[in-house]
């Protein structure tokens, strides 16, 4: 679930970067800003978006962990750990 949300946030960021780039390309082609200004501003915005993407992913991950804990549901990581323990215990009892 967390990985799926991460993929969705990356898709959103990629799409946003594409729209921002297209906007700056249009401003340059309309001679409203220079090509150098467009590249510089775009890079700053792009880097900021990717920084925020990482922060958003961390926030969502923490929120999901809190939801799992409040609902008393095992996380996928906890479930994997339990499966490994059961497998080990089964081998030890044979």
PDB file of N, CA and C in Angstrom:
ATOM      1  N   UNK A   1       0.831  -1.194   0.000  1.00  0.00           N
ATOM      2  CA  UNK A   1       0.000   0.000   0.000  1.00  0.00           C
ATOM      3  C   UNK A   1       0.870   1.250   0.000  1.00  0.00           C
ATOM      4  N   UNK A   2       1.900   1.248   0.853  1.00  0.00           N
ATOM      5  CA  UNK A   2       2.786   2.405   0.925  1.00  0.00           C
ATOM      6  C   UNK A   2       3.517   2.584  -0.393  1.00  0.00           C
ATOM      7  N   UNK A   3       3.971   1.483  -0.985  1.00  0.00           N
ATOM      8  CA  UNK A   3       4.664   1.563  -2.275  1.00  0.00           C
ATOM      9  C   UNK A   3       3.737   2.097  -3.363  1.00  0.00           C
ATOM     10  N   UNK A   4       2.472   1.710  -3.326  1.00  0.00           N
ATOM     11  CA  UNK A   4       1.510   2.190  -4.319  1.00  0.00           C
ATOM     12  C   UNK A   4       1.316   3.690  -4.200  1.00  0.00           C
ATOM     13  N   UNK A   5       1.218   4.173  -2.958  1.00  0.00           N
ATOM     14  CA  UNK A   5       1.066   5.616  -2.749  1.00  0.00           C
ATOM     15  C   UNK A   5       2.308   6.367  -3.200  1.00  0.00           C
ATOM     16  N   UNK A   6       3.453   5.772  -2.992  1.00  0.00           N
ATOM     17  CA  UNK A   6       4.706   6.380  -3.432  1.00  0.00           C
ATOM     18  C   UNK A   6       4.718   6.511  -4.948  1.00  0.00           C
ATOM     19  N   UNK A   7       4.278   5.466  -5.648  1.00  0.00           N
ATOM     20  CA  UNK A   7       4.237   5.497  -7.107  1.00  0.00           C
ATOM     21  C   UNK A   7       3.271   6.570  -7.591  1.00  0.00           C
ATOM     22  N   UNK A   8       2.128   6.692  -6.915  1.00  0.00           N
ATOM     23  CA  UNK A   8       1.140   7.699  -7.305  1.00  0.00           C
ATOM     24  C   UNK A   8       1.715   9.097  -7.121  1.00  0.00           C
ATOM     25  N   UNK A   9       2.392   9.332  -5.991  1.00  0.00           N
ATOM     26  CA  UNK A   9       2.955  10.665  -5.768  1.00  0.00           C
ATOM     27  C   UNK A   9       4.036  10.971  -6.804  1.00  0.00           C
ATOM     28  N   UNK A  10       4.821   9.963  -7.202  1.00  0.00           N
ATOM     29  CA  UNK A  10       5.837  10.184  -8.236  1.00  0.00           C
ATOM     30  C   UNK A  10       5.200  10.514  -9.580  1.00  0.00           C
ATOM     31  N   UNK A  11       4.110   9.854  -9.907  1.00  0.00           N
ATOM     32  CA  UNK A  11       3.406  10.142 -11.162  1.00  0.00           C
ATOM     33  C   UNK A  11       2.872  11.571 -11.146  1.00  0.00           C
ATOM     34  N   UNK A  12       2.295  11.970 -10.016  1.00  0.00           N
ATOM     35  CA  UNK A  12       1.758  13.333  -9.897  1.00  0.00           C
ATOM     36  C   UNK A  12       2.874  14.356 -10.051  1.00  0.00           C
ATOM     37  N   UNK A  13       4.000  14.121  -9.389  1.00  0.00           N
ATOM     38  CA  UNK A  13       5.131  15.047  -9.491  1.00  0.00           C
ATOM     39  C   UNK A  13       5.640  15.109 -10.932  1.00  0.00           C
ATOM     40  N   UNK A  14       5.788  13.955 -11.569  1.00  0.00           N
ATOM     41  CA  UNK A  14       6.259  13.926 -12.965  1.00  0.00           C
ATOM     42  C   UNK A  14       5.320  14.702 -13.881  1.00  0.00           C
ATOM     43  N   UNK A  15       4.011  14.517 -13.695  1.00  0.00           N
ATOM     44  CA  UNK A  15       3.034  15.236 -14.515  1.00  0.00           C
ATOM     45  C   UNK A  15       3.111  16.745 -14.261  1.00  0.00           C
ATOM     46  N   UNK A  16       3.270  17.107 -12.989  1.00  0.00           N
ATOM     47  CA  UNK A  16       3.366  18.526 -12.635  1.00  0.00           C
ATOM     48  C   UNK A  16       4.600  19.153 -13.254  1.00  0.00           C
ATOM     49  N   UNK A  17       5.724  18.441 -13.196  1.00  0.00           N
ATOM     50  CA  UNK A  17       6.960  18.942 -13.806  1.00  0.00           C
ATOM     51  C   UNK A  17       6.756  19.151 -15.306  1.00  0.00           C
ATOM     52  N   UNK A  18       6.059  18.221 -15.955  1.00  0.00           N
ATOM     53  CA  UNK A  18       5.794  18.361 -17.381  1.00  0.00           C
ATOM     54  C   UNK A  18       4.968  19.600 -17.699  1.00  0.00           C
ATOM     55  N   UNK A  19       3.953  19.862 -16.889  1.00  0.00           N
ATOM     56  CA  UNK A  19       3.106  21.042 -17.103  1.00  0.00           C
ATOM     57  C   UNK A  19       3.898  22.320 -16.866  1.00  0.00           C
ATOM     58  N   UNK A  20       4.695  22.335 -15.807  1.00  0.00           N
ATOM     59  CA  UNK A  20       5.505  23.523 -15.507  1.00  0.00           C
ATOM     60  C   UNK A  20       6.499  23.776 -16.634  1.00  0.00           C
ATOM     61  N   UNK A  21       7.134  22.714 -17.134  1.00  0.00           N
ATOM     62  CA  UNK A  21       8.100  22.874 -18.233  1.00  0.00           C
ATOM     63  C   UNK A  21       7.419  23.440 -19.470  1.00  0.00           C
ATOM     64  N   UNK A  22       6.255  22.911 -19.783  1.00  0.00           N
ATOM     65  CA  UNK A  22       5.516  23.391 -20.958  1.00  0.00           C
ATOM     66  C   UNK A  22       5.160  24.869 -20.793  1.00  0.00           C
ATOM     67  N   UNK A  23       4.780  25.260 -19.586  1.00  0.00           N
ATOM     68  CA  UNK A  23       4.429  26.661 -19.307  1.00  0.00           C
ATOM     69  C   UNK A  23       5.635  27.566 -19.532  1.00  0.00           C
ATOM     70  N   UNK A  24       6.801  27.165 -19.022  1.00  0.00           N
ATOM     71  CA  UNK A  24       7.996  27.988 -19.217  1.00  0.00           C
ATOM     72  C   UNK A  24       8.444  27.993 -20.670  1.00  0.00           C
ATOM     73  N   UNK A  25       8.300  26.876 -21.367  1.00  0.00           N
ATOM     74  CA  UNK A  25       8.620  26.850 -22.797  1.00  0.00           C
ATOM     75  C   UNK A  25       7.749  27.835 -23.560  1.00  0.00           C
ATOM     76  N   UNK A  26       6.467  27.902 -23.175  1.00  0.00           N
ATOM     77  CA  UNK A  26       5.551  28.856 -23.828  1.00  0.00           C
ATOM     78  C   UNK A  26       5.945  30.301 -23.524  1.00  0.00           C
ATOM     79  N   UNK A  27       6.339  30.564 -22.278  1.00  0.00           N
ATOM     80  CA  UNK A  27       6.762  31.925 -21.918  1.00  0.00           C
ATOM     81  C   UNK A  27       8.003  32.336 -22.708  1.00  0.00           C
ATOM     82  N   UNK A  28       8.916  31.382 -22.888  1.00  0.00           N
ATOM     83  CA  UNK A  28      10.127  31.666 -23.668  1.00  0.00           C
ATOM     84  C   UNK A  28       9.764  31.897 -25.124  1.00  0.00           C
ATOM     85  N   UNK A  29       8.918  31.048 -25.686  1.00  0.00           N
ATOM     86  CA  UNK A  29       8.562  31.191 -27.105  1.00  0.00           C
ATOM     87  C   UNK A  29       7.751  32.464 -27.357  1.00  0.00           C
ATOM     88  N   UNK A  30       7.032  32.950 -26.344  1.00  0.00           N
ATOM     89  CA  UNK A  30       6.286  34.210 -26.473  1.00  0.00           C
ATOM     90  C   UNK A  30       7.154  35.423 -26.132  1.00  0.00           C
ATOM     91  N   UNK A  31       8.457  35.184 -25.909  1.00  0.00           N
ATOM     92  CA  UNK A  31       9.418  36.241 -25.569  1.00  0.00           C
ATOM     93  C   UNK A  31       9.040  37.014 -24.311  1.00  0.00           C
ATOM     94  N   UNK A  32       8.393  36.351 -23.369  1.00  0.00           N
ATOM     95  CA  UNK A  32       8.046  36.999 -22.100  1.00  0.00           C
ATOM     96  C   UNK A  32       9.178  36.858 -21.092  1.00  0.00           C
ATOM     97  N   UNK A  33       9.977  35.799 -21.256  1.00  0.00           N
ATOM     98  CA  UNK A  33      11.191  35.621 -20.463  1.00  0.00           C
ATOM     99  C   UNK A  33      12.257  35.047 -21.374  1.00  0.00           C
ATOM    100  N   UNK A  34      13.520  35.215 -20.962  1.00  0.00           N
ATOM    101  CA  UNK A  34      14.606  34.665 -21.788  1.00  0.00           C
ATOM    102  C   UNK A  34      14.716  33.159 -21.548  1.00  0.00           C
ATOM    103  N   UNK A  35      15.425  32.500 -22.455  1.00  0.00           N
ATOM    104  CA  UNK A  35      15.610  31.057 -22.321  1.00  0.00           C
ATOM    105  C   UNK A  35      16.375  30.737 -21.037  1.00  0.00           C
ATOM    106  N   UNK A  36      17.375  31.532 -20.721  1.00  0.00           N
ATOM    107  CA  UNK A  36      18.153  31.329 -19.499  1.00  0.00           C
ATOM    108  C   UNK A  36      17.296  31.491 -18.252  1.00  0.00           C
ATOM    109  N   UNK A  37      16.448  32.510 -18.246  1.00  0.00           N
ATOM    110  CA  UNK A  37      15.552  32.714 -17.101  1.00  0.00           C
ATOM    111  C   UNK A  37      14.590  31.537 -16.970  1.00  0.00           C
ATOM    112  N   UNK A  38      14.050  31.106 -18.090  1.00  0.00           N
ATOM    113  CA  UNK A  38      13.106  29.989 -18.075  1.00  0.00           C
ATOM    114  C   UNK A  38      13.740  28.730 -17.518  1.00  0.00           C
ATOM    115  N   UNK A  39      14.960  28.415 -17.973  1.00  0.00           N
ATOM    116  CA  UNK A  39      15.651  27.213 -17.485  1.00  0.00           C
ATOM    117  C   UNK A  39      15.945  27.323 -15.997  1.00  0.00           C
ATOM    118  N   UNK A  40      16.417  28.494 -15.579  1.00  0.00           N
ATOM    119  CA  UNK A  40      16.786  28.685 -14.179  1.00  0.00           C
ATOM    120  C   UNK A  40      15.572  28.550 -13.251  1.00  0.00           C
ATOM    121  N   UNK A  41      14.504  29.228 -13.612  1.00  0.00           N
ATOM    122  CA  UNK A  41      13.286  29.184 -12.778  1.00  0.00           C
ATOM    123  C   UNK A  41      12.707  27.773 -12.777  1.00  0.00           C
ATOM    124  N   UNK A  42      12.681  27.145 -13.949  1.00  0.00           N
ATOM    125  CA  UNK A  42      12.149  25.792 -14.047  1.00  0.00           C
ATOM    126  C   UNK A  42      12.931  24.832 -13.163  1.00  0.00           C
ATOM    127  N   UNK A  43      14.260  24.885 -13.211  1.00  0.00           N
ATOM    128  CA  UNK A  43      15.090  23.989 -12.399  1.00  0.00           C
ATOM    129  C   UNK A  43      14.816  24.195 -10.908  1.00  0.00           C
ATOM    130  N   UNK A  44      14.683  25.455 -10.490  1.00  0.00           N
ATOM    131  CA  UNK A  44      14.373  25.730  -9.083  1.00  0.00           C
ATOM    132  C   UNK A  44      13.032  25.129  -8.681  1.00  0.00           C
ATOM    133  N   UNK A  45      12.035  25.302  -9.514  1.00  0.00           N
ATOM    134  CA  UNK A  45      10.704  24.763  -9.214  1.00  0.00           C
ATOM    135  C   UNK A  45      10.746  23.234  -9.215  1.00  0.00           C
ATOM    136  N   UNK A  46      11.410  22.653 -10.221  1.00  0.00           N
ATOM    137  CA  UNK A  46      11.495  21.193 -10.323  1.00  0.00           C
ATOM    138  C   UNK A  46      12.172  20.600  -9.085  1.00  0.00           C
ATOM    139  N   UNK A  47      13.288  21.179  -8.687  1.00  0.00           N
ATOM    140  CA  UNK A  47      13.984  20.682  -7.506  1.00  0.00           C
ATOM    141  C   UNK A  47      13.116  20.814  -6.256  1.00  0.00           C
ATOM    142  N   UNK A  48      12.386  21.905  -6.141  1.00  0.00           N
ATOM    143  CA  UNK A  48      11.481  22.085  -5.005  1.00  0.00           C
ATOM    144  C   UNK A  48      10.372  21.049  -4.987  1.00  0.00           C
ATOM    145  N   UNK A  49       9.845  20.732  -6.169  1.00  0.00           N
ATOM    146  CA  UNK A  49       8.789  19.726  -6.251  1.00  0.00           C
ATOM    147  C   UNK A  49       9.297  18.363  -5.810  1.00  0.00           C
ATOM    148  N   UNK A  50      10.487  17.977  -6.238  1.00  0.00           N
ATOM    149  CA  UNK A  50      11.023  16.672  -5.848  1.00  0.00           C
ATOM    150  C   UNK A  50      11.361  16.629  -4.362  1.00  0.00           C
ATOM    151  N   UNK A  51      11.804  17.766  -3.803  1.00  0.00           N
ATOM    152  CA  UNK A  51      12.035  17.829  -2.356  1.00  0.00           C
ATOM    153  C   UNK A  51      10.729  17.637  -1.608  1.00  0.00           C
ATOM    154  N   UNK A  52       9.686  18.292  -2.063  1.00  0.00           N
ATOM    155  CA  UNK A  52       8.373  18.174  -1.415  1.00  0.00           C
ATOM    156  C   UNK A  52       7.807  16.776  -1.595  1.00  0.00           C
ATOM    157  N   UNK A  53       8.098  16.145  -2.717  1.00  0.00           N
ATOM    158  CA  UNK A  53       7.627  14.786  -2.964  1.00  0.00           C
ATOM    159  C   UNK A  53       8.155  13.839  -1.901  1.00  0.00           C
ATOM    160  N   UNK A  54       9.415  13.975  -1.574  1.00  0.00           N
ATOM    161  CA  UNK A  54      10.024  13.127  -0.551  1.00  0.00           C
ATOM    162  C   UNK A  54       9.382  13.374   0.810  1.00  0.00           C
ATOM    163  N   UNK A  55       9.155  14.646   1.126  1.00  0.00           N
ATOM    164  CA  UNK A  55       8.500  14.991   2.393  1.00  0.00           C
ATOM    165  C   UNK A  55       7.086  14.425   2.440  1.00  0.00           C
ATOM    166  N   UNK A  56       6.366  14.546   1.326  1.00  0.00           N
ATOM    167  CA  UNK A  56       4.995  14.033   1.246  1.00  0.00           C
ATOM    168  C   UNK A  56       4.978  12.521   1.427  1.00  0.00           C
ATOM    169  N   UNK A  57       5.891  11.842   0.787  1.00  0.00           N
ATOM    170  CA  UNK A  57       5.963  10.386   0.901  1.00  0.00           C
ATOM    171  C   UNK A  57       6.214   9.975   2.356  1.00  0.00           C
ATOM    172  N   UNK A  58       7.125  10.668   3.023  1.00  0.00           N
ATOM    173  CA  UNK A  58       7.404  10.359   4.426  1.00  0.00           C
ATOM    174  C   UNK A  58       6.184  10.621   5.307  1.00  0.00           C
ATOM    175  N   UNK A  59       5.489  11.713   5.051  1.00  0.00           N
ATOM    176  CA  UNK A  59       4.299  12.043   5.833  1.00  0.00           C
ATOM    177  C   UNK A  59       3.201  11.007   5.638  1.00  0.00           C
ATOM    178  N   UNK A  60       2.989  10.605   4.394  1.00  0.00           N
ATOM    179  CA  UNK A  60       1.962   9.602   4.096  1.00  0.00           C
ATOM    180  C   UNK A  60       2.324   8.271   4.745  1.00  0.00           C
ATOM    181  N   UNK A  61       3.591   7.905   4.681  1.00  0.00           N
ATOM    182  CA  UNK A  61       4.044   6.650   5.294  1.00  0.00           C
ATOM    183  C   UNK A  61       3.776   6.661   6.792  1.00  0.00           C
ATOM    184  N   UNK A  62       4.112   7.746   7.456  1.00  0.00           N
ATOM    185  CA  UNK A  62       3.876   7.846   8.897  1.00  0.00           C
ATOM    186  C   UNK A  62       2.382   7.809   9.222  1.00  0.00           C
ATOM    187  N   UNK A  63       1.581   8.472   8.406  1.00  0.00           N
ATOM    188  CA  UNK A  63       0.132   8.473   8.612  1.00  0.00           C
ATOM    189  C   UNK A  63      -0.434   7.067   8.472  1.00  0.00           C
ATOM    190  N   UNK A  64       0.001   6.336   7.472  1.00  0.00           N
ATOM    191  CA  UNK A  64      -0.481   4.967   7.262  1.00  0.00           C
ATOM    192  C   UNK A  64      -0.081   4.073   8.433  1.00  0.00           C
ATOM    193  N   UNK A  65       1.142   4.239   8.931  1.00  0.00           N
ATOM    194  CA  UNK A  65       1.580   3.451  10.085  1.00  0.00           C
ATOM    195  C   UNK A  65       0.706   3.741  11.304  1.00  0.00           C
ATOM    196  N   UNK A  66       0.347   5.009  11.502  1.00  0.00           N
ATOM    197  CA  UNK A  66      -0.523   5.375  12.634  1.00  0.00           C
ATOM    198  C   UNK A  66      -1.912   4.765  12.471  1.00  0.00           C
ATOM    199  N   UNK A  67      -2.408   4.768  11.238  1.00  0.00           N
ATOM    200  CA  UNK A  67      -3.734   4.185  10.974  1.00  0.00           C
ATOM    201  C   UNK A  67      -3.707   2.692  11.266  1.00  0.00           C
ATOM    202  N   UNK A  68      -2.660   1.996  10.789  1.00  0.00           N
ATOM    203  CA  UNK A  68      -2.524   0.563  11.080  1.00  0.00           C
ATOM    204  C   UNK A  68      -2.528   0.330  12.590  1.00  0.00           C
ATOM    205  N   UNK A  69      -1.761   1.141  13.313  1.00  0.00           N
ATOM    206  CA  UNK A  69      -1.656   0.964  14.769  1.00  0.00           C
ATOM    207  C   UNK A  69      -3.003   1.206  15.459  1.00  0.00           C
ATOM    208  N   UNK A  70      -3.709   2.250  15.058  1.00  0.00           N
ATOM    209  CA  UNK A  70      -4.997   2.565  15.694  1.00  0.00           C
ATOM    210  C   UNK A  70      -6.045   1.505  15.385  1.00  0.00           C
ATOM    211  N   UNK A  71      -5.977   0.933  14.205  1.00  0.00           N
ATOM    212  CA  UNK A  71      -6.955  -0.081  13.820  1.00  0.00           C
ATOM    213  C   UNK A  71      -6.531  -1.464  14.279  1.00  0.00           C
ATOM    214  N   UNK A  72      -5.355  -1.555  14.898  1.00  0.00           N
ATOM    215  CA  UNK A  72      -4.800  -2.813  15.380  1.00  0.00           C
ATOM    216  C   UNK A  72      -4.692  -3.838  14.248  1.00  0.00           C
ATOM    217  N   UNK A  73      -4.142  -3.368  13.132  1.00  0.00           N
ATOM    218  CA  UNK A  73      -3.937  -4.211  11.952  1.00  0.00           C
ATOM    219  C   UNK A  73      -2.435  -4.357  11.749  1.00  0.00           C
ATOM    220  N   UNK A  74      -2.000  -5.560  11.422  1.00  0.00           N
ATOM    221  CA  UNK A  74      -0.572  -5.784  11.163  1.00  0.00           C
ATOM    222  C   UNK A  74      -0.183  -5.112   9.851  1.00  0.00           C
ATOM    223  N   UNK A  75       0.958  -4.458   9.875  1.00  0.00           N
ATOM    224  CA  UNK A  75       1.486  -3.869   8.644  1.00  0.00           C
ATOM    225  C   UNK A  75       2.028  -4.988   7.769  1.00  0.00           C
ATOM    226  N   UNK A  76       2.209  -4.739   6.484  1.00  0.00           N
ATOM    227  CA  UNK A  76       2.804  -5.770   5.617  1.00  0.00           C
ATOM    228  C   UNK A  76       4.162  -6.246   6.131  1.00  0.00           C
ATOM    229  N   UNK A  77       4.950  -5.332   6.686  1.00  0.00           N
ATOM    230  CA  UNK A  77       6.267  -5.711   7.221  1.00  0.00           C
ATOM    231  C   UNK A  77       6.105  -6.637   8.427  1.00  0.00           C
ATOM    232  N   UNK A  78       5.170  -6.326   9.308  1.00  0.00           N
ATOM    233  CA  UNK A  78       4.927  -7.172  10.474  1.00  0.00           C
ATOM    234  C   UNK A  78       4.432  -8.554  10.044  1.00  0.00           C
ATOM    235  N   UNK A  79       3.563  -8.588   9.055  1.00  0.00           N
ATOM    236  CA  UNK A  79       3.035  -9.845   8.547  1.00  0.00           C
ATOM    237  C   UNK A  79       4.154 -10.700   7.954  1.00  0.00           C
ATOM    238  N   UNK A  80       5.055 -10.085   7.205  1.00  0.00           N
ATOM    239  CA  UNK A  80       6.197 -10.818   6.646  1.00  0.00           C
ATOM    240  C   UNK A  80       7.062 -11.390   7.757  1.00  0.00           C
ATOM    241  N   UNK A  81       7.290 -10.590   8.805  1.00  0.00           N
ATOM    242  CA  UNK A  81       8.079 -11.058   9.938  1.00  0.00           C
ATOM    243  C   UNK A  81       7.433 -12.255  10.619  1.00  0.00           C
ATOM    244  N   UNK A  82       6.130 -12.210  10.774  1.00  0.00           N
ATOM    245  CA  UNK A  82       5.401 -13.329  11.377  1.00  0.00           C
ATOM    246  C   UNK A  82       5.485 -14.580  10.511  1.00  0.00           C
ATOM    247  N   UNK A  83       5.385 -14.405   9.207  1.00  0.00           N
ATOM    248  CA  UNK A  83       5.493 -15.547   8.299  1.00  0.00           C
ATOM    249  C   UNK A  83       6.863 -16.203   8.428  1.00  0.00           C
ATOM    250  N   UNK A  84       7.910 -15.389   8.512  1.00  0.00           N
ATOM    251  CA  UNK A  84       9.260 -15.942   8.664  1.00  0.00           C
ATOM    252  C   UNK A  84       9.386 -16.697   9.986  1.00  0.00           C
ATOM    253  N   UNK A  85       8.813 -16.133  11.041  1.00  0.00           N
ATOM    254  CA  UNK A  85       8.882 -16.793  12.355  1.00  0.00           C
ATOM    255  C   UNK A  85       8.134 -18.121  12.348  1.00  0.00           C
ATOM    256  N   UNK A  86       6.956 -18.147  11.736  1.00  0.00           N
ATOM    257  CA  UNK A  86       6.166 -19.382  11.670  1.00  0.00           C
ATOM    258  C   UNK A  86       6.935 -20.434  10.883  1.00  0.00           C
ATOM    259  N   UNK A  87       7.511 -20.047   9.757  1.00  0.00           N
ATOM    260  CA  UNK A  87       8.290 -20.969   8.942  1.00  0.00           C
ATOM    261  C   UNK A  87       9.451 -21.549   9.744  1.00  0.00           C
ATOM    262  N   UNK A  88      10.151 -20.680  10.473  1.00  0.00           N
ATOM    263  CA  UNK A  88      11.270 -21.125  11.296  1.00  0.00           C
ATOM    264  C   UNK A  88      10.817 -22.066  12.402  1.00  0.00           C
ATOM    265  N   UNK A  89       9.721 -21.703  13.065  1.00  0.00           N
ATOM    266  CA  UNK A  89       9.190 -22.552  14.139  1.00  0.00           C
ATOM    267  C   UNK A  89       8.734 -23.909  13.609  1.00  0.00           C
ATOM    268  N   UNK A  90       8.130 -23.922  12.425  1.00  0.00           N
ATOM    269  CA  UNK A  90       7.710 -25.175  11.818  1.00  0.00           C
ATOM    270  C   UNK A  90       8.912 -26.073  11.539  1.00  0.00           C
ATOM    271  N   UNK A  91      10.003 -25.486  11.059  1.00  0.00           N
ATOM    272  CA  UNK A  91      11.206 -26.273  10.798  1.00  0.00           C
ATOM    273  C   UNK A  91      11.807 -26.809  12.092  1.00  0.00           C
ATOM    274  N   UNK A  92      11.761 -26.019  13.148  1.00  0.00           N
ATOM    275  CA  UNK A  92      12.346 -26.437  14.423  1.00  0.00           C
ATOM    276  C   UNK A  92      11.532 -27.541  15.112  1.00  0.00           C
ATOM    277  N   UNK A  93      10.230 -27.583  14.831  1.00  0.00           N
ATOM    278  CA  UNK A  93       9.386 -28.569  15.508  1.00  0.00           C
ATOM    279  C   UNK A  93       9.284 -29.882  14.738  1.00  0.00           C
ATOM    280  N   UNK A  94       9.883 -29.976  13.579  1.00  0.00           N
ATOM    281  CA  UNK A  94       9.814 -31.221  12.787  1.00  0.00           C
ATOM    282  C   UNK A  94      10.872 -32.189  13.206  1.00  0.00           C
TER     283      UNK A  94
END
